[in-house]
């Protein structure tokens, strides 16, 4: 899985047990924030707390860049 796919995975998916037509069961995940969205929100919280940003667009862009950097670093882990 590459970094882009990793970032699009749900961070906290809603898991449901689904009964299939052949009476077997499978676990289905859907919804929730993506990992990229969660990481960006967390980065944004930290940047807001430290202060120094008057431009909200720049703050958001940097938070997303932080999230992308974290996802890329995680993708490099064995």
Protein backbone atom coordinates (compact mmCIF):
# COMPACT_ATOMS: atom_id res chain seq x y z
CA UNK A 1 0.00 0.00 0.00
CA UNK A 2 1.52 3.34 -1.00
CA UNK A 3 1.34 6.54 1.04
CA UNK A 4 -1.67 7.90 -0.84
CA UNK A 5 -3.68 4.70 -0.27
CA UNK A 6 -2.59 4.63 3.37
CA UNK A 7 -3.81 8.19 3.87
CA UNK A 8 -7.22 7.37 2.42
CA UNK A 9 -7.83 4.48 4.82
CA UNK A 10 -10.45 5.18 7.52
CA UNK A 11 -8.93 6.22 10.84
CA UNK A 12 -11.90 5.03 12.91
CA UNK A 13 -14.16 3.04 10.61
CA UNK A 14 -17.64 1.95 11.52
CA UNK A 15 -17.50 -1.84 11.42
CA UNK A 16 -20.57 -3.91 10.70
CA UNK A 17 -21.15 -7.63 10.58
CA UNK A 18 -22.89 -8.47 7.30
CA UNK A 19 -24.71 -11.73 6.60
CA UNK A 20 -24.05 -12.85 3.03
CA UNK A 21 -26.51 -14.75 0.83
CA UNK A 22 -24.80 -18.05 1.58
CA UNK A 23 -25.30 -17.48 5.34
CA UNK A 24 -21.64 -16.67 5.88
CA UNK A 25 -20.65 -13.46 7.65
CA UNK A 26 -18.17 -10.77 6.74
CA UNK A 27 -16.94 -7.64 8.47
CA UNK A 28 -17.47 -4.43 6.51
CA UNK A 29 -15.81 -1.11 7.34
CA UNK A 30 -17.03 2.27 6.22
CA UNK A 31 -17.19 5.90 7.14
CA UNK A 32 -15.23 8.02 9.54
CA UNK A 33 -12.37 10.37 8.90
CA UNK A 34 -9.51 9.23 6.73
CA UNK A 35 -6.13 8.91 8.38
CA UNK A 36 -4.99 11.94 6.37
CA UNK A 37 -7.90 14.04 7.66
CA UNK A 38 -7.30 12.93 11.26
CA UNK A 39 -3.55 13.59 11.09
CA UNK A 40 -4.15 17.02 9.52
CA UNK A 41 -6.67 17.94 12.22
CA UNK A 42 -4.21 16.91 14.93
CA UNK A 43 -1.40 18.89 13.29
CA UNK A 44 -3.69 21.90 12.98
CA UNK A 45 -4.58 21.70 16.69
CA UNK A 46 -0.90 21.75 17.61
CA UNK A 47 -0.13 24.66 15.30
CA UNK A 48 -3.12 26.67 16.63
CA UNK A 49 -2.01 26.10 20.22
CA UNK A 50 1.51 27.32 19.45
CA UNK A 51 0.08 30.42 17.75
CA UNK A 52 1.68 32.66 15.20
CA UNK A 53 -0.75 32.13 12.31
CA UNK A 54 -2.96 34.95 11.11
CA UNK A 55 -3.69 33.34 7.74
CA UNK A 56 -6.05 30.39 8.17
CA UNK A 57 -5.45 29.11 4.62
CA UNK A 58 -1.71 28.88 5.30
CA UNK A 59 -2.40 27.14 8.61
CA UNK A 60 -4.57 24.54 6.86
CA UNK A 61 -2.04 24.00 4.06
CA UNK A 62 0.78 23.41 6.54
CA UNK A 63 -1.34 21.02 8.60
CA UNK A 64 -2.12 18.97 5.47
CA UNK A 65 1.59 19.01 4.55
CA UNK A 66 2.39 17.73 8.07
CA UNK A 67 -0.16 14.94 7.63
CA UNK A 68 1.27 13.98 4.24
CA UNK A 69 4.80 13.91 5.68
CA UNK A 70 3.70 11.64 8.52
CA UNK A 71 1.90 9.28 6.15
CA UNK A 72 4.95 9.13 3.86
CA UNK A 73 7.20 8.36 6.85
CA UNK A 74 4.83 5.64 8.03
CA UNK A 75 4.82 4.17 4.53
CA UNK A 76 8.62 3.81 4.73
CA UNK A 77 8.41 1.72 7.93
CA UNK A 78 8.90 -2.03 7.41
